[in-house]
Amino acid sequence: MSTEQVDVREVQRTVSKVVDPEIGMPIVEMNLIDKLDVKDGAVDVEYHATTQYCPPVFALKISQDLKDGLMQVKGVKTVKVMVTGHYFADAINRQVNKSATEPAPAPADQATK
Protein backbone atom coordinates (compact mmCIF):
# COMPACT_ATOMS: atom_id res chain seq x y z
CA MET A 1 0.00 0.00 0.00
CA SER A 2 1.54 3.29 -1.05
CA THR A 3 0.92 6.57 0.66
CA GLU A 4 0.91 9.63 -1.51
CA GLN A 5 3.09 12.43 -0.17
CA VAL A 6 1.37 15.74 0.46
CA ASP A 7 3.27 18.75 -0.85
CA VAL A 8 3.37 21.08 2.16
CA ARG A 9 4.07 24.03 -0.13
CA GLU A 10 0.86 23.27 -2.03
CA VAL A 11 -1.03 23.15 1.28
CA GLN A 12 0.44 26.55 2.19
CA ARG A 13 -0.43 27.98 -1.24
CA THR A 14 -3.99 26.74 -0.89
CA VAL A 15 -4.38 28.29 2.55
CA SER A 16 -2.94 31.58 1.27
CA LYS A 17 -5.75 31.79 -1.33
CA VAL A 18 -8.52 31.85 1.29
CA VAL A 19 -9.93 35.37 1.60
CA ASP A 20 -11.89 36.92 4.46
CA PRO A 21 -15.18 37.71 2.65
CA GLU A 22 -15.93 40.73 4.83
CA ILE A 23 -12.51 42.40 4.59
CA GLY A 24 -11.45 41.10 1.17
CA MET A 25 -7.92 40.14 2.21
CA PRO A 26 -6.27 36.71 2.35
CA ILE A 27 -6.40 35.35 5.90
CA VAL A 28 -2.67 34.57 5.74
CA GLU A 29 -1.88 38.25 5.11
CA MET A 30 -4.00 39.09 8.16
CA ASN A 31 -1.97 36.62 10.28
CA LEU A 32 -5.06 34.63 11.26
CA ILE A 33 -3.49 31.15 10.86
CA ASP A 34 -2.34 29.83 14.25
CA LYS A 35 -1.52 26.23 13.32
CA LEU A 36 -1.02 24.29 10.11
CA ASP A 37 0.02 20.65 10.49
CA VAL A 38 0.36 18.08 7.73
CA LYS A 39 0.97 14.44 8.63
CA ASP A 40 0.19 11.22 6.76
CA GLY A 41 -2.40 12.83 4.50
CA ALA A 42 -4.15 14.60 7.39
CA VAL A 43 -4.20 18.40 7.51
CA ASP A 44 -5.09 20.28 10.69
CA VAL A 45 -5.67 24.01 10.47
CA GLU A 46 -6.43 26.33 13.36
CA TYR A 47 -7.14 30.00 12.84
CA HIS A 48 -8.64 32.80 14.86
CA ALA A 49 -11.43 35.12 13.84
CA THR A 50 -10.69 38.78 13.28
CA THR A 51 -13.04 39.61 16.15
CA GLN A 52 -15.03 37.58 18.63
CA TYR A 53 -18.25 38.80 16.99
CA CYS A 54 -17.28 38.32 13.35
CA PRO A 55 -20.56 37.42 11.57
CA PRO A 56 -20.89 33.63 11.88
CA VAL A 57 -21.67 33.29 8.18
CA PHE A 58 -18.23 34.75 7.34
CA ALA A 59 -16.38 32.57 9.86
CA LEU A 60 -18.20 29.51 8.49
CA LYS A 61 -17.32 30.52 4.92
CA ILE A 62 -13.62 30.88 5.80
CA SER A 63 -13.67 27.48 7.52
CA GLN A 64 -15.48 25.81 4.64
CA ASP A 65 -13.20 27.44 2.04
CA LEU A 66 -10.17 26.13 3.94
CA LYS A 67 -11.59 22.62 4.12
CA ASP A 68 -12.82 22.50 0.51
CA GLY A 69 -9.57 23.89 -0.88
CA LEU A 70 -7.33 21.61 1.15
CA MET A 71 -9.33 18.51 0.23
CA GLN A 72 -8.37 19.24 -3.40
CA VAL A 73 -4.63 19.05 -2.67
CA LYS A 74 -3.09 15.86 -4.01
CA GLY A 75 -2.56 13.29 -1.26
CA VAL A 76 -4.76 14.97 1.35
CA LYS A 77 -7.16 12.44 2.90
CA THR A 78 -8.66 14.39 5.79
CA VAL A 79 -8.90 18.03 6.82
CA LYS A 80 -9.84 19.36 10.23
CA VAL A 81 -10.45 23.10 10.53
CA MET A 82 -10.85 24.85 13.87
CA VAL A 83 -11.73 28.51 14.41
CA THR A 84 -10.93 30.01 17.81
CA GLY A 85 -11.76 33.30 19.47
CA HIS A 86 -15.29 33.41 18.06
CA TYR A 87 -18.47 33.37 20.14
CA PHE A 88 -19.97 30.75 17.80
CA ALA A 89 -16.76 28.69 17.38
CA ASP A 90 -18.16 25.39 18.70
CA ALA A 91 -21.08 25.38 16.26
CA ILE A 92 -18.92 26.47 13.31
CA ASN A 93 -16.31 23.81 14.09
CA ARG A 94 -18.99 21.10 14.40
CA GLN A 95 -20.59 22.13 11.11
CA VAL A 96 -17.43 22.31 9.02
CA ASN A 97 -15.91 19.12 10.46
CA LYS A 98 -18.99 16.93 10.45
CA SER A 99 -18.56 13.62 8.72
CA ALA A 100 -20.19 13.11 5.35
CA THR A 101 -21.83 10.01 6.86
CA GLU A 102 -23.50 11.88 9.70
CA PRO A 103 -27.24 12.34 9.24
CA ALA A 104 -28.34 15.89 8.58
CA PRO A 105 -30.32 17.48 11.41
CA ALA A 106 -34.08 17.47 10.93
CA PRO A 107 -35.50 20.80 9.74
CA ALA A 108 -36.96 22.83 12.61
CA ASP A 109 -40.53 22.51 11.31
CA GLN A 110 -40.19 18.70 11.13
CA ALA A 111 -38.67 18.36 14.61
CA THR A 112 -41.81 19.66 16.30
CA LYS A 113 -44.25 17.39 14.49
C-alpha atoms as a PDB file:
ATOM      1  CA  MET A   1       0.000   0.000   0.000  1.00  0.00           C
ATOM      2  CA  SER A   2       1.541   3.288  -1.052  1.00  0.00           C
ATOM      3  CA  THR A   3       0.917   6.572   0.657  1.00  0.00           C
ATOM      4  CA  GLU A   4       0.911   9.634  -1.505  1.00  0.00           C
ATOM      5  CA  GLN A   5       3.088  12.434  -0.165  1.00  0.00           C
ATOM      6  CA  VAL A   6       1.368  15.736   0.461  1.00  0.00           C
ATOM      7  CA  ASP A   7       3.274  18.749  -0.845  1.00  0.00           C
ATOM      8  CA  VAL A   8       3.374  21.083   2.158  1.00  0.00           C
ATOM      9  CA  ARG A   9       4.068  24.035  -0.129  1.00  0.00           C
ATOM     10  CA  GLU A  10       0.859  23.273  -2.034  1.00  0.00           C
ATOM     11  CA  VAL A  11      -1.027  23.154   1.280  1.00  0.00           C
ATOM     12  CA  GLN A  12       0.445  26.545   2.188  1.00  0.00           C
ATOM     13  CA  ARG A  13      -0.434  27.984  -1.240  1.00  0.00           C
ATOM     14  CA  THR A  14      -3.992  26.737  -0.894  1.00  0.00           C
ATOM     15  CA  VAL A  15      -4.384  28.293   2.550  1.00  0.00           C
ATOM     16  CA  SER A  16      -2.942  31.577   1.270  1.00  0.00           C
ATOM     17  CA  LYS A  17      -5.748  31.792  -1.328  1.00  0.00           C
ATOM     18  CA  VAL A  18      -8.518  31.854   1.292  1.00  0.00           C
ATOM     19  CA  VAL A  19      -9.932  35.366   1.598  1.00  0.00           C
ATOM     20  CA  ASP A  20     -11.891  36.916   4.459  1.00  0.00           C
ATOM     21  CA  PRO A  21     -15.179  37.714   2.651  1.00  0.00           C
ATOM     22  CA  GLU A  22     -15.929  40.734   4.828  1.00  0.00           C
ATOM     23  CA  ILE A  23     -12.509  42.400   4.589  1.00  0.00           C
ATOM     24  CA  GLY A  24     -11.448  41.100   1.170  1.00  0.00           C
ATOM     25  CA  MET A  25      -7.919  40.135   2.207  1.00  0.00           C
ATOM     26  CA  PRO A  26      -6.274  36.709   2.354  1.00  0.00           C
ATOM     27  CA  ILE A  27      -6.401  35.347   5.903  1.00  0.00           C
ATOM     28  CA  VAL A  28      -2.668  34.568   5.739  1.00  0.00           C
ATOM     29  CA  GLU A  29      -1.879  38.252   5.110  1.00  0.00           C
ATOM     30  CA  MET A  30      -4.001  39.095   8.164  1.00  0.00           C
ATOM     31  CA  ASN A  31      -1.969  36.619  10.278  1.00  0.00           C
ATOM     32  CA  LEU A  32      -5.057  34.629  11.264  1.00  0.00           C
ATOM     33  CA  ILE A  33      -3.488  31.152  10.865  1.00  0.00           C
ATOM     34  CA  ASP A  34      -2.343  29.831  14.247  1.00  0.00           C
ATOM     35  CA  LYS A  35      -1.525  26.225  13.317  1.00  0.00           C
ATOM     36  CA  LEU A  36      -1.020  24.288  10.110  1.00  0.00           C
ATOM     37  CA  ASP A  37       0.024  20.652  10.493  1.00  0.00           C
ATOM     38  CA  VAL A  38       0.364  18.080   7.727  1.00  0.00           C
ATOM     39  CA  LYS A  39       0.974  14.443   8.628  1.00  0.00           C
ATOM     40  CA  ASP A  40       0.192  11.223   6.763  1.00  0.00           C
ATOM     41  CA  GLY A  41      -2.395  12.832   4.502  1.00  0.00           C
ATOM     42  CA  ALA A  42      -4.153  14.601   7.389  1.00  0.00           C
ATOM     43  CA  VAL A  43      -4.197  18.397   7.510  1.00  0.00           C
ATOM     44  CA  ASP A  44      -5.088  20.279  10.691  1.00  0.00           C
ATOM     45  CA  VAL A  45      -5.672  24.008  10.473  1.00  0.00           C
ATOM     46  CA  GLU A  46      -6.427  26.328  13.359  1.00  0.00           C
ATOM     47  CA  TYR A  47      -7.142  30.003  12.845  1.00  0.00           C
ATOM     48  CA  HIS A  48      -8.638  32.803  14.863  1.00  0.00           C
ATOM     49  CA  ALA A  49     -11.435  35.122  13.840  1.00  0.00           C
ATOM     50  CA  THR A  50     -10.687  38.784  13.285  1.00  0.00           C
ATOM     51  CA  THR A  51     -13.044  39.612  16.149  1.00  0.00           C
ATOM     52  CA  GLN A  52     -15.033  37.577  18.634  1.00  0.00           C
ATOM     53  CA  TYR A  53     -18.249  38.796  16.989  1.00  0.00           C
ATOM     54  CA  CYS A  54     -17.282  38.320  13.346  1.00  0.00           C
ATOM     55  CA  PRO A  55     -20.561  37.422  11.575  1.00  0.00           C
ATOM     56  CA  PRO A  56     -20.886  33.629  11.882  1.00  0.00           C
ATOM     57  CA  VAL A  57     -21.666  33.292   8.179  1.00  0.00           C
ATOM     58  CA  PHE A  58     -18.230  34.749   7.339  1.00  0.00           C
ATOM     59  CA  ALA A  59     -16.380  32.570   9.860  1.00  0.00           C
ATOM     60  CA  LEU A  60     -18.203  29.510   8.488  1.00  0.00           C
ATOM     61  CA  LYS A  61     -17.324  30.517   4.917  1.00  0.00           C
ATOM     62  CA  ILE A  62     -13.624  30.885   5.801  1.00  0.00           C
ATOM     63  CA  SER A  63     -13.665  27.483   7.523  1.00  0.00           C
ATOM     64  CA  GLN A  64     -15.477  25.812   4.638  1.00  0.00           C
ATOM     65  CA  ASP A  65     -13.199  27.444   2.036  1.00  0.00           C
ATOM     66  CA  LEU A  66     -10.171  26.127   3.941  1.00  0.00           C
ATOM     67  CA  LYS A  67     -11.587  22.617   4.118  1.00  0.00           C
ATOM     68  CA  ASP A  68     -12.822  22.500   0.514  1.00  0.00           C
ATOM     69  CA  GLY A  69      -9.570  23.886  -0.882  1.00  0.00           C
ATOM     70  CA  LEU A  70      -7.334  21.609   1.154  1.00  0.00           C
ATOM     71  CA  MET A  71      -9.334  18.507   0.230  1.00  0.00           C
ATOM     72  CA  GLN A  72      -8.372  19.236  -3.402  1.00  0.00           C
ATOM     73  CA  VAL A  73      -4.630  19.051  -2.666  1.00  0.00           C
ATOM     74  CA  LYS A  74      -3.090  15.861  -4.013  1.00  0.00           C
ATOM     75  CA  GLY A  75      -2.559  13.288  -1.263  1.00  0.00           C
ATOM     76  CA  VAL A  76      -4.762  14.970   1.350  1.00  0.00           C
ATOM     77  CA  LYS A  77      -7.159  12.443   2.898  1.00  0.00           C
ATOM     78  CA  THR A  78      -8.662  14.395   5.791  1.00  0.00           C
ATOM     79  CA  VAL A  79      -8.898  18.027   6.817  1.00  0.00           C
ATOM     80  CA  LYS A  80      -9.835  19.359  10.229  1.00  0.00           C
ATOM     81  CA  VAL A  81     -10.451  23.101  10.526  1.00  0.00           C
ATOM     82  CA  MET A  82     -10.854  24.854  13.868  1.00  0.00           C
ATOM     83  CA  VAL A  83     -11.729  28.507  14.412  1.00  0.00           C
ATOM     84  CA  THR A  84     -10.928  30.014  17.814  1.00  0.00           C
ATOM     85  CA  GLY A  85     -11.759  33.305  19.470  1.00  0.00           C
ATOM     86  CA  HIS A  86     -15.294  33.414  18.063  1.00  0.00           C
ATOM     87  CA  TYR A  87     -18.470  33.373  20.138  1.00  0.00           C
ATOM     88  CA  PHE A  88     -19.966  30.751  17.801  1.00  0.00           C
ATOM     89  CA  ALA A  89     -16.755  28.686  17.377  1.00  0.00           C
ATOM     90  CA  ASP A  90     -18.160  25.394  18.702  1.00  0.00           C
ATOM     91  CA  ALA A  91     -21.078  25.379  16.259  1.00  0.00           C
ATOM     92  CA  ILE A  92     -18.919  26.466  13.315  1.00  0.00           C
ATOM     93  CA  ASN A  93     -16.312  23.805  14.085  1.00  0.00           C
ATOM     94  CA  ARG A  94     -18.991  21.105  14.400  1.00  0.00           C
ATOM     95  CA  GLN A  95     -20.587  22.125  11.114  1.00  0.00           C
ATOM     96  CA  VAL A  96     -17.426  22.307   9.018  1.00  0.00           C
ATOM     97  CA  ASN A  97     -15.905  19.123  10.457  1.00  0.00           C
ATOM     98  CA  LYS A  98     -18.991  16.926  10.446  1.00  0.00           C
ATOM     99  CA  SER A  99     -18.559  13.620   8.720  1.00  0.00           C
ATOM    100  CA  ALA A 100     -20.191  13.110   5.353  1.00  0.00           C
ATOM    101  CA  THR A 101     -21.828  10.010   6.855  1.00  0.00           C
ATOM    102  CA  GLU A 102     -23.503  11.884   9.699  1.00  0.00           C
ATOM    103  CA  PRO A 103     -27.238  12.336   9.237  1.00  0.00           C
ATOM    104  CA  ALA A 104     -28.343  15.887   8.576  1.00  0.00           C
ATOM    105  CA  PRO A 105     -30.321  17.479  11.409  1.00  0.00           C
ATOM    106  CA  ALA A 106     -34.080  17.474  10.933  1.00  0.00           C
ATOM    107  CA  PRO A 107     -35.499  20.802   9.736  1.00  0.00           C
ATOM    108  CA  ALA A 108     -36.959  22.834  12.608  1.00  0.00           C
ATOM    109  CA  ASP A 109     -40.533  22.510  11.309  1.00  0.00           C
ATOM    110  CA  GLN A 110     -40.190  18.704  11.129  1.00  0.00           C
ATOM    111  CA  ALA A 111     -38.668  18.358  14.608  1.00  0.00           C
ATOM    112  CA  THR A 112     -41.811  19.663  16.304  1.00  0.00           C
ATOM    113  CA  LYS A 113     -44.252  17.387  14.491  1.00  0.00           C
END
